[in-house]
Amino acid sequence: AASGSTFSLNVMAWYRQAPGNQREEVAGITTESGFT
């Protein structure tokens, strides 16, 4: 859930980080077009 100046956002994404690993992007979506 996003709050604040959400009108300014272009893309939202999920990342994950397992112990000993770098943070990696799992999935992303553009806020206007819904491209994933």
Full PDB file with SEQRES, HELIX, SHEET, SSBOND, CRYST1, ORIGX, SCALE, CONECT and MASTER records, all heavy atoms in Angstrom:
SEQRES   1 A   36  ALA ALA SER GLY SER THR PHE SER LEU ASN VAL MET ALA          
SEQRES   2 A   36  TRP TYR ARG GLN ALA PRO GLY ASN GLN ARG GLU GLU VAL          
SEQRES   3 A   36  ALA GLY ILE THR THR GLU SER GLY PHE THR                      
HELIX    1 AA1 THR A    6  SER A    8  5                                   3    
SHEET    1 AA1 2 VAL A  11  ARG A  16  0                                        
SHEET    2 AA1 2 GLU A  24  THR A  30 -1                                        
CRYST1    1.000    1.000    1.000  90.00  90.00  90.00 P 1           1          
ORIGX1      1.000000  0.000000  0.000000        0.00000                         
ORIGX2      0.000000  1.000000  0.000000        0.00000                         
ORIGX3      0.000000  0.000000  1.000000        0.00000                         
SCALE1      1.000000  0.000000  0.000000        0.00000                         
SCALE2      0.000000  1.000000  0.000000        0.00000                         
SCALE3      0.000000  0.000000  1.000000        0.00000                         
ATOM      1  N   ALA A   1       0.845  -1.191   0.000  1.00  0.00           N  
ATOM      2  CA  ALA A   1       0.000   0.000   0.000  1.00  0.00           C  
ATOM      3  C   ALA A   1       0.880   1.240   0.000  1.00  0.00           C  
ATOM      4  O   ALA A   1       1.742   1.386   0.869  1.00  0.00           O  
ATOM      5  CB  ALA A   1      -0.909  -0.011   1.220  1.00  0.00           C  
ATOM      6  N   ALA A   2       0.647   2.114  -0.961  1.00  0.00           N  
ATOM      7  CA  ALA A   2       1.420   3.348  -1.073  1.00  0.00           C  
ATOM      8  C   ALA A   2       0.598   4.527  -0.569  1.00  0.00           C  
ATOM      9  O   ALA A   2      -0.618   4.582  -0.756  1.00  0.00           O  
ATOM     10  CB  ALA A   2       1.827   3.584  -2.519  1.00  0.00           C  
ATOM     11  N   SER A   3       1.282   5.461   0.071  1.00  0.00           N  
ATOM     12  CA  SER A   3       0.628   6.681   0.531  1.00  0.00           C  
ATOM     13  C   SER A   3       1.561   7.854   0.293  1.00  0.00           C  
ATOM     14  O   SER A   3       2.754   7.679   0.082  1.00  0.00           O  
ATOM     15  CB  SER A   3       0.248   6.571   2.005  1.00  0.00           C  
ATOM     16  OG  SER A   3       1.399   6.367   2.793  1.00  0.00           O  
ATOM     17  N   GLY A   4       1.001   9.037   0.338  1.00  0.00           N  
ATOM     18  CA  GLY A   4       1.800  10.223   0.066  1.00  0.00           C  
ATOM     19  C   GLY A   4       1.612  10.666  -1.375  1.00  0.00           C  
ATOM     20  O   GLY A   4       0.519  10.586  -1.916  1.00  0.00           O  
ATOM     21  N   SER A   5       2.686  11.095  -2.001  1.00  0.00           N  
ATOM     22  CA  SER A   5       2.624  11.635  -3.369  1.00  0.00           C  
ATOM     23  C   SER A   5       2.586  10.517  -4.403  1.00  0.00           C  
ATOM     24  O   SER A   5       3.438  10.415  -5.284  1.00  0.00           O  
ATOM     25  CB  SER A   5       3.837  12.542  -3.621  1.00  0.00           C  
ATOM     26  OG  SER A   5       3.881  13.603  -2.679  1.00  0.00           O  
ATOM     27  N   THR A   6       1.566   9.696  -4.320  1.00  0.00           N  
ATOM     28  CA  THR A   6       1.481   8.530  -5.205  1.00  0.00           C  
ATOM     29  C   THR A   6       1.249   8.922  -6.660  1.00  0.00           C  
ATOM     30  O   THR A   6       1.542   8.153  -7.560  1.00  0.00           O  
ATOM     31  CB  THR A   6       0.366   7.587  -4.747  1.00  0.00           C  
ATOM     32  OG1 THR A   6      -0.865   8.315  -4.696  1.00  0.00           O  
ATOM     33  CG2 THR A   6       0.676   7.016  -3.369  1.00  0.00           C  
ATOM     34  N   PHE A   7       0.745  10.137  -6.893  1.00  0.00           N  
ATOM     35  CA  PHE A   7       0.509  10.580  -8.265  1.00  0.00           C  
ATOM     36  C   PHE A   7       1.811  10.673  -9.044  1.00  0.00           C  
ATOM     37  O   PHE A   7       1.815  10.664 -10.268  1.00  0.00           O  
ATOM     38  CB  PHE A   7      -0.165  11.952  -8.262  1.00  0.00           C  
ATOM     39  CG  PHE A   7       0.688  13.034  -7.652  1.00  0.00           C  
ATOM     40  CD1 PHE A   7       1.561  13.767  -8.436  1.00  0.00           C  
ATOM     41  CD2 PHE A   7       0.636  13.306  -6.298  1.00  0.00           C  
ATOM     42  CE1 PHE A   7       2.359  14.752  -7.878  1.00  0.00           C  
ATOM     43  CE2 PHE A   7       1.428  14.285  -5.729  1.00  0.00           C  
ATOM     44  CZ  PHE A   7       2.294  15.007  -6.515  1.00  0.00           C  
ATOM     45  N   SER A   8       2.915  10.766  -8.334  1.00  0.00           N  
ATOM     46  CA  SER A   8       4.215  10.942  -8.984  1.00  0.00           C  
ATOM     47  C   SER A   8       4.873   9.636  -9.401  1.00  0.00           C  
ATOM     48  O   SER A   8       5.918   9.641 -10.052  1.00  0.00           O  
ATOM     49  CB  SER A   8       5.169  11.681  -8.033  1.00  0.00           C  
ATOM     50  OG  SER A   8       5.500  10.865  -6.925  1.00  0.00           O  
ATOM     51  N   LEU A   9       4.267   8.525  -9.050  1.00  0.00           N  
ATOM     52  CA  LEU A   9       4.900   7.236  -9.300  1.00  0.00           C  
ATOM     53  C   LEU A   9       4.672   6.757 -10.725  1.00  0.00           C  
ATOM     54  O   LEU A   9       3.578   6.891 -11.268  1.00  0.00           O  
ATOM     55  CB  LEU A   9       4.372   6.199  -8.317  1.00  0.00           C  
ATOM     56  CG  LEU A   9       4.609   6.523  -6.841  1.00  0.00           C  
ATOM     57  CD1 LEU A   9       3.982   5.449  -5.972  1.00  0.00           C  
ATOM     58  CD2 LEU A   9       6.097   6.651  -6.541  1.00  0.00           C  
ATOM     59  N   ASN A  10       5.726   6.184 -11.330  1.00  0.00           N  
ATOM     60  CA  ASN A  10       5.641   5.633 -12.672  1.00  0.00           C  
ATOM     61  C   ASN A  10       5.642   4.116 -12.689  1.00  0.00           C  
ATOM     62  O   ASN A  10       5.036   3.499 -13.554  1.00  0.00           O  
ATOM     63  CB  ASN A  10       6.823   6.121 -13.521  1.00  0.00           C  
ATOM     64  CG  ASN A  10       6.907   7.621 -13.597  1.00  0.00           C  
ATOM     65  OD1 ASN A  10       7.915   8.216 -13.231  1.00  0.00           O  
ATOM     66  ND2 ASN A  10       5.840   8.244 -14.057  1.00  0.00           N  
ATOM     67  N   VAL A  11       6.382   3.537 -11.777  1.00  0.00           N  
ATOM     68  CA  VAL A  11       6.527   2.086 -11.771  1.00  0.00           C  
ATOM     69  C   VAL A  11       6.604   1.598 -10.342  1.00  0.00           C  
ATOM     70  O   VAL A  11       7.137   2.268  -9.462  1.00  0.00           O  
ATOM     71  CB  VAL A  11       7.777   1.658 -12.567  1.00  0.00           C  
ATOM     72  CG1 VAL A  11       9.044   2.215 -11.945  1.00  0.00           C  
ATOM     73  CG2 VAL A  11       7.870   0.157 -12.679  1.00  0.00           C  
ATOM     74  N   MET A  12       6.040   0.427 -10.122  1.00  0.00           N  
ATOM     75  CA  MET A  12       6.142  -0.238  -8.836  1.00  0.00           C  
ATOM     76  C   MET A  12       6.614  -1.662  -9.084  1.00  0.00           C  
ATOM     77  O   MET A  12       6.324  -2.245 -10.135  1.00  0.00           O  
ATOM     78  CB  MET A  12       4.816  -0.203  -8.086  1.00  0.00           C  
ATOM     79  CG  MET A  12       4.373   1.218  -7.751  1.00  0.00           C  
ATOM     80  SD  MET A  12       2.915   1.306  -6.713  1.00  0.00           S  
ATOM     81  CE  MET A  12       3.580   0.766  -5.122  1.00  0.00           C  
ATOM     82  N   ALA A  13       7.345  -2.185  -8.121  1.00  0.00           N  
ATOM     83  CA  ALA A  13       7.943  -3.499  -8.333  1.00  0.00           C  
ATOM     84  C   ALA A  13       8.108  -4.219  -7.014  1.00  0.00           C  
ATOM     85  O   ALA A  13       8.067  -3.623  -5.937  1.00  0.00           O  
ATOM     86  CB  ALA A  13       9.304  -3.354  -9.020  1.00  0.00           C  
ATOM     87  N   TRP A  14       8.296  -5.519  -7.135  1.00  0.00           N  
ATOM     88  CA  TRP A  14       8.645  -6.363  -6.003  1.00  0.00           C  
ATOM     89  C   TRP A  14      10.056  -6.883  -6.210  1.00  0.00           C  
ATOM     90  O   TRP A  14      10.392  -7.373  -7.290  1.00  0.00           O  
ATOM     91  CB  TRP A  14       7.678  -7.537  -5.886  1.00  0.00           C  
ATOM     92  CG  TRP A  14       6.334  -7.147  -5.388  1.00  0.00           C  
ATOM     93  CD1 TRP A  14       5.225  -6.865  -6.136  1.00  0.00           C  
ATOM     94  CD2 TRP A  14       5.945  -6.974  -4.023  1.00  0.00           C  
ATOM     95  NE1 TRP A  14       4.164  -6.530  -5.316  1.00  0.00           N  
ATOM     96  CE2 TRP A  14       4.586  -6.596  -4.020  1.00  0.00           C  
ATOM     97  CE3 TRP A  14       6.605  -7.109  -2.804  1.00  0.00           C  
ATOM     98  CZ2 TRP A  14       3.883  -6.353  -2.838  1.00  0.00           C  
ATOM     99  CZ3 TRP A  14       5.902  -6.868  -1.637  1.00  0.00           C  
ATOM    100  CH2 TRP A  14       4.550  -6.492  -1.658  1.00  0.00           C  
ATOM    101  N   TYR A  15      10.856  -6.787  -5.156  1.00  0.00           N  
ATOM    102  CA  TYR A  15      12.192  -7.347  -5.117  1.00  0.00           C  
ATOM    103  C   TYR A  15      12.224  -8.376  -3.995  1.00  0.00           C  
ATOM    104  O   TYR A  15      11.368  -8.393  -3.118  1.00  0.00           O  
ATOM    105  CB  TYR A  15      13.228  -6.263  -4.816  1.00  0.00           C  
ATOM    106  CG  TYR A  15      13.550  -5.341  -5.976  1.00  0.00           C  
ATOM    107  CD1 TYR A  15      12.624  -4.398  -6.422  1.00  0.00           C  
ATOM    108  CD2 TYR A  15      14.783  -5.389  -6.615  1.00  0.00           C  
ATOM    109  CE1 TYR A  15      12.920  -3.552  -7.480  1.00  0.00           C  
ATOM    110  CE2 TYR A  15      15.101  -4.537  -7.663  1.00  0.00           C  
ATOM    111  CZ  TYR A  15      14.163  -3.622  -8.084  1.00  0.00           C  
ATOM    112  OH  TYR A  15      14.470  -2.780  -9.128  1.00  0.00           O  
ATOM    113  N   ARG A  16      13.254  -9.213  -4.017  1.00  0.00           N  
ATOM    114  CA  ARG A  16      13.457 -10.128  -2.896  1.00  0.00           C  
ATOM    115  C   ARG A  16      14.937 -10.290  -2.628  1.00  0.00           C  
ATOM    116  O   ARG A  16      15.776 -10.103  -3.512  1.00  0.00           O  
ATOM    117  CB  ARG A  16      12.811 -11.482  -3.170  1.00  0.00           C  
ATOM    118  CG  ARG A  16      13.460 -12.291  -4.283  1.00  0.00           C  
ATOM    119  CD  ARG A  16      12.637 -13.551  -4.554  1.00  0.00           C  
ATOM    120  NE  ARG A  16      13.238 -14.371  -5.609  1.00  0.00           N  
ATOM    121  CZ  ARG A  16      12.658 -15.455  -6.120  1.00  0.00           C  
ATOM    122  NH1 ARG A  16      11.452 -15.851  -5.668  1.00  0.00           N  
ATOM    123  NH2 ARG A  16      13.245 -16.145  -7.073  1.00  0.00           N  
ATOM    124  N   GLN A  17      15.227 -10.633  -1.390  1.00  0.00           N  
ATOM    125  CA  GLN A  17      16.613 -10.857  -0.982  1.00  0.00           C  
ATOM    126  C   GLN A  17      16.662 -12.019  -0.014  1.00  0.00           C  
ATOM    127  O   GLN A  17      16.073 -11.966   1.066  1.00  0.00           O  
ATOM    128  CB  GLN A  17      17.200  -9.605  -0.343  1.00  0.00           C  
ATOM    129  CG  GLN A  17      18.681  -9.705  -0.062  1.00  0.00           C  
ATOM    130  CD  GLN A  17      19.292  -8.361   0.302  1.00  0.00           C  
ATOM    131  OE1 GLN A  17      18.605  -7.430   0.701  1.00  0.00           O  
ATOM    132  NE2 GLN A  17      20.598  -8.255   0.144  1.00  0.00           N  
ATOM    133  N   ALA A  18      17.375 -13.053  -0.443  1.00  0.00           N  
ATOM    134  CA  ALA A  18      17.607 -14.213   0.410  1.00  0.00           C  
ATOM    135  C   ALA A  18      18.938 -14.023   1.130  1.00  0.00           C  
ATOM    136  O   ALA A  18      19.809 -13.296   0.639  1.00  0.00           O  
ATOM    137  CB  ALA A  18      17.610 -15.480  -0.427  1.00  0.00           C  
ATOM    138  N   PRO A  19      19.130 -14.686   2.269  1.00  0.00           N  
ATOM    139  CA  PRO A  19      20.395 -14.545   3.007  1.00  0.00           C  
ATOM    140  C   PRO A  19      21.593 -14.872   2.131  1.00  0.00           C  
ATOM    141  O   PRO A  19      21.612 -15.908   1.453  1.00  0.00           O  
ATOM    142  CB  PRO A  19      20.233 -15.553   4.144  1.00  0.00           C  
ATOM    143  CG  PRO A  19      18.764 -15.658   4.344  1.00  0.00           C  
ATOM    144  CD  PRO A  19      18.158 -15.524   2.986  1.00  0.00           C  
ATOM    145  N   GLY A  20      22.567 -13.984   2.124  1.00  0.00           N  
ATOM    146  CA  GLY A  20      23.781 -14.199   1.346  1.00  0.00           C  
ATOM    147  C   GLY A  20      23.661 -13.848  -0.117  1.00  0.00           C  
ATOM    148  O   GLY A  20      24.648 -13.956  -0.858  1.00  0.00           O  
ATOM    149  N   ASN A  21      22.472 -13.442  -0.546  1.00  0.00           N  
ATOM    150  CA  ASN A  21      22.252 -13.103  -1.958  1.00  0.00           C  
ATOM    151  C   ASN A  21      22.007 -11.617  -2.128  1.00  0.00           C  
ATOM    152  O   ASN A  21      21.627 -10.913  -1.193  1.00  0.00           O  
ATOM    153  CB  ASN A  21      21.048 -13.872  -2.509  1.00  0.00           C  
ATOM    154  CG  ASN A  21      21.327 -15.350  -2.644  1.00  0.00           C  
ATOM    155  OD1 ASN A  21      22.421 -15.821  -2.374  1.00  0.00           O  
ATOM    156  ND2 ASN A  21      20.316 -16.085  -3.067  1.00  0.00           N  
ATOM    157  N   GLN A  22      22.213 -11.158  -3.348  1.00  0.00           N  
ATOM    158  CA  GLN A  22      21.874  -9.770  -3.654  1.00  0.00           C  
ATOM    159  C   GLN A  22      20.361  -9.631  -3.827  1.00  0.00           C  
ATOM    160  O   GLN A  22      19.662 -10.604  -4.132  1.00  0.00           O  
ATOM    161  CB  GLN A  22      22.587  -9.337  -4.942  1.00  0.00           C  
ATOM    162  CG  GLN A  22      24.087  -9.198  -4.803  1.00  0.00           C  
ATOM    163  CD  GLN A  22      24.731  -8.608  -6.051  1.00  0.00           C  
ATOM    164  OE1 GLN A  22      24.198  -8.713  -7.149  1.00  0.00           O  
ATOM    165  NE2 GLN A  22      25.881  -7.972  -5.886  1.00  0.00           N  
ATOM    166  N   ARG A  23      19.894  -8.414  -3.630  1.00  0.00           N  
ATOM    167  CA  ARG A  23      18.484  -8.138  -3.857  1.00  0.00           C  
ATOM    168  C   ARG A  23      18.216  -8.213  -5.357  1.00  0.00           C  
ATOM    169  O   ARG A  23      18.970  -7.668  -6.169  1.00  0.00           O  
ATOM    170  CB  ARG A  23      18.111  -6.753  -3.313  1.00  0.00           C  
ATOM    171  CG  ARG A  23      16.635  -6.494  -3.233  1.00  0.00           C  
ATOM    172  CD  ARG A  23      16.345  -5.191  -2.502  1.00  0.00           C  
ATOM    173  NE  ARG A  23      16.779  -5.243  -1.105  1.00  0.00           N  
ATOM    174  CZ  ARG A  23      16.489  -4.312  -0.213  1.00  0.00           C  
ATOM    175  NH1 ARG A  23      15.755  -3.242  -0.563  1.00  0.00           N  
ATOM    176  NH2 ARG A  23      16.910  -4.412   1.030  1.00  0.00           N  
ATOM    177  N   GLU A  24      17.142  -8.904  -5.725  1.00  0.00           N  
ATOM    178  CA  GLU A  24      16.821  -9.073  -7.127  1.00  0.00           C  
ATOM    179  C   GLU A  24      15.373  -8.669  -7.393  1.00  0.00           C  
ATOM    180  O   GLU A  24      14.498  -8.848  -6.537  1.00  0.00           O  
ATOM    181  CB  GLU A  24      17.014 -10.535  -7.567  1.00  0.00           C  
ATOM    182  CG  GLU A  24      16.130 -11.531  -6.849  1.00  0.00           C  
ATOM    183  CD  GLU A  24      16.227 -12.937  -7.421  1.00  0.00           C  
ATOM    184  OE1 GLU A  24      16.869 -13.128  -8.462  1.00  0.00           O  
ATOM    185  OE2 GLU A  24      15.627 -13.836  -6.805  1.00  0.00           O  
ATOM    186  N   GLU A  25      15.148  -8.150  -8.594  1.00  0.00           N  
ATOM    187  CA  GLU A  25      13.799  -7.787  -8.964  1.00  0.00           C  
ATOM    188  C   GLU A  25      13.023  -9.032  -9.358  1.00  0.00           C  
ATOM    189  O   GLU A  25      13.511  -9.857 -10.129  1.00  0.00           O  
ATOM    190  CB  GLU A  25      13.774  -6.779 -10.113  1.00  0.00           C  
ATOM    191  CG  GLU A  25      12.368  -6.322 -10.470  1.00  0.00           C  
ATOM    192  CD  GLU A  25      12.336  -5.213 -11.512  1.00  0.00           C  
ATOM    193  OE1 GLU A  25      13.413  -4.797 -11.973  1.00  0.00           O  
ATOM    194  OE2 GLU A  25      11.225  -4.769 -11.855  1.00  0.00           O  
ATOM    195  N   VAL A  26      11.819  -9.137  -8.829  1.00  0.00           N  
ATOM    196  CA  VAL A  26      10.964 -10.285  -9.102  1.00  0.00           C  
ATOM    197  C   VAL A  26       9.940  -9.938 -10.187  1.00  0.00           C  
ATOM    198  O   VAL A  26       9.733 -10.705 -11.124  1.00  0.00           O  
ATOM    199  CB  VAL A  26      10.241 -10.717  -7.814  1.00  0.00           C  
ATOM    200  CG1 VAL A  26       9.233 -11.805  -8.099  1.00  0.00           C  
ATOM    201  CG2 VAL A  26      11.256 -11.170  -6.774  1.00  0.00           C  
ATOM    202  N   ALA A  27       9.296  -8.789 -10.034  1.00  0.00           N  
ATOM    203  CA  ALA A  27       8.258  -8.379 -10.983  1.00  0.00           C  
ATOM    204  C   ALA A  27       8.051  -6.878 -10.877  1.00  0.00           C  
ATOM    205  O   ALA A  27       8.248  -6.300  -9.809  1.00  0.00           O  
ATOM    206  CB  ALA A  27       6.946  -9.107 -10.711  1.00  0.00           C  
ATOM    207  N   GLY A  28       7.651  -6.268 -11.982  1.00  0.00           N  
ATOM    208  CA  GLY A  28       7.390  -4.838 -11.998  1.00  0.00           C  
ATOM    209  C   GLY A  28       6.152  -4.533 -12.826  1.00  0.00           C  
ATOM    210  O   GLY A  28       5.742  -5.330 -13.675  1.00  0.00           O  
ATOM    211  N   ILE A  29       5.563  -3.368 -12.549  1.00  0.00           N  
ATOM    212  CA  ILE A  29       4.371  -2.958 -13.278  1.00  0.00           C  
ATOM    213  C   ILE A  29       4.361  -1.446 -13.384  1.00  0.00           C  
ATOM    214  O   ILE A  29       4.691  -0.745 -12.427  1.00  0.00           O  
ATOM    215  CB  ILE A  29       3.084  -3.480 -12.579  1.00  0.00           C  
ATOM    216  CG1 ILE A  29       1.839  -3.180 -13.418  1.00  0.00           C  
ATOM    217  CG2 ILE A  29       2.944  -2.908 -11.172  1.00  0.00           C  
ATOM    218  CD1 ILE A  29       0.597  -3.936 -12.920  1.00  0.00           C  
ATOM    219  N   THR A  30       4.014  -0.929 -14.556  1.00  0.00           N  
ATOM    220  CA  THR A  30       3.896   0.517 -14.712  1.00  0.00           C  
ATOM    221  C   THR A  30       2.525   0.946 -14.198  1.00  0.00           C  
ATOM    222  O   THR A  30       1.531   0.247 -14.374  1.00  0.00           O  
ATOM    223  CB  THR A  30       4.064   0.935 -16.180  1.00  0.00           C  
ATOM    224  OG1 THR A  30       3.102   0.234 -16.989  1.00  0.00           O  
ATOM    225  CG2 THR A  30       5.457   0.586 -16.676  1.00  0.00           C  
ATOM    226  N   THR A  31       2.498   2.095 -13.551  1.00  0.00           N  
ATOM    227  CA  THR A  31       1.264   2.502 -12.879  1.00  0.00           C  
ATOM    228  C   THR A  31       0.181   2.938 -13.849  1.00  0.00           C  
ATOM    229  O   THR A  31      -1.004   2.781 -13.563  1.00  0.00           O  
ATOM    230  CB  THR A  31       1.555   3.645 -11.906  1.00  0.00           C  
ATOM    231  OG1 THR A  31       2.165   4.727 -12.621  1.00  0.00           O  
ATOM    232  CG2 THR A  31       2.474   3.186 -10.789  1.00  0.00           C  
ATOM    233  N   GLU A  32       0.565   3.484 -15.000  1.00  0.00           N  
ATOM    234  CA  GLU A  32      -0.446   3.993 -15.926  1.00  0.00           C  
ATOM    235  C   GLU A  32      -0.924   2.927 -16.901  1.00  0.00           C  
ATOM    236  O   GLU A  32      -2.120   2.655 -16.993  1.00  0.00           O  
ATOM    237  CB  GLU A  32       0.102   5.189 -16.698  1.00  0.00           C  
ATOM    238  CG  GLU A  32      -0.936   5.845 -17.602  1.00  0.00           C  
ATOM    239  CD  GLU A  32      -0.436   7.164 -18.171  1.00  0.00           C  
ATOM    240  OE1 GLU A  32       0.550   7.710 -17.669  1.00  0.00           O  
ATOM    241  OE2 GLU A  32      -1.049   7.644 -19.140  1.00  0.00           O  
ATOM    242  N   SER A  33      -0.003   2.270 -17.590  1.00  0.00           N  
ATOM    243  CA  SER A  33      -0.399   1.320 -18.642  1.00  0.00           C  
ATOM    244  C   SER A  33      -0.584  -0.092 -18.133  1.00  0.00           C  
ATOM    245  O   SER A  33      -1.210  -0.924 -18.783  1.00  0.00           O  
ATOM    246  CB  SER A  33       0.637   1.320 -19.767  1.00  0.00           C  
ATOM    247  OG  SER A  33       1.875   0.848 -19.285  1.00  0.00           O  
ATOM    248  N   GLY A  34       0.006  -0.379 -16.974  1.00  0.00           N  
ATOM    249  CA  GLY A  34      -0.101  -1.736 -16.450  1.00  0.00           C  
ATOM    250  C   GLY A  34       0.837  -2.725 -17.110  1.00  0.00           C  
ATOM    251  O   GLY A  34       0.650  -3.938 -16.983  1.00  0.00           O  
ATOM    252  N   PHE A  35       1.843  -2.228 -17.826  1.00  0.00           N  
ATOM    253  CA  PHE A  35       2.819  -3.127 -18.438  1.00  0.00           C  
ATOM    254  C   PHE A  35       3.582  -3.845 -17.336  1.00  0.00           C  
ATOM    255  O   PHE A  35       4.001  -3.245 -16.361  1.00  0.00           O  
ATOM    256  CB  PHE A  35       3.785  -2.335 -19.316  1.00  0.00           C  
ATOM    257  CG  PHE A  35       4.851  -3.167 -19.940  1.00  0.00           C  
ATOM    258  CD1 PHE A  35       4.608  -3.900 -21.089  1.00  0.00           C  
ATOM    259  CD2 PHE A  35       6.127  -3.225 -19.381  1.00  0.00           C  
ATOM    260  CE1 PHE A  35       5.592  -4.678 -21.662  1.00  0.00           C  
ATOM    261  CE2 PHE A  35       7.120  -3.998 -19.948  1.00  0.00           C  
ATOM    262  CZ  PHE A  35       6.847  -4.729 -21.087  1.00  0.00           C  
ATOM    263  N   THR A  36       3.781  -5.158 -17.531  1.00  0.00           N  
ATOM    264  CA  THR A  36       4.439  -5.968 -16.502  1.00  0.00           C  
ATOM    265  C   THR A  36       5.693  -6.638 -17.027  1.00  0.00           C  
ATOM    266  O   THR A  36       5.840  -6.879 -18.241  1.00  0.00           O  
ATOM    267  CB  THR A  36       3.493  -7.052 -15.977  1.00  0.00           C  
ATOM    268  OG1 THR A  36       3.093  -7.894 -17.062  1.00  0.00           O  
ATOM    269  CG2 THR A  36       2.263  -6.448 -15.329  1.00  0.00           C  
TER     270      THR A  36                                                      
MASTER        0    0    0    1    2    0    0    6  269    1    0    3          
END                                                                             
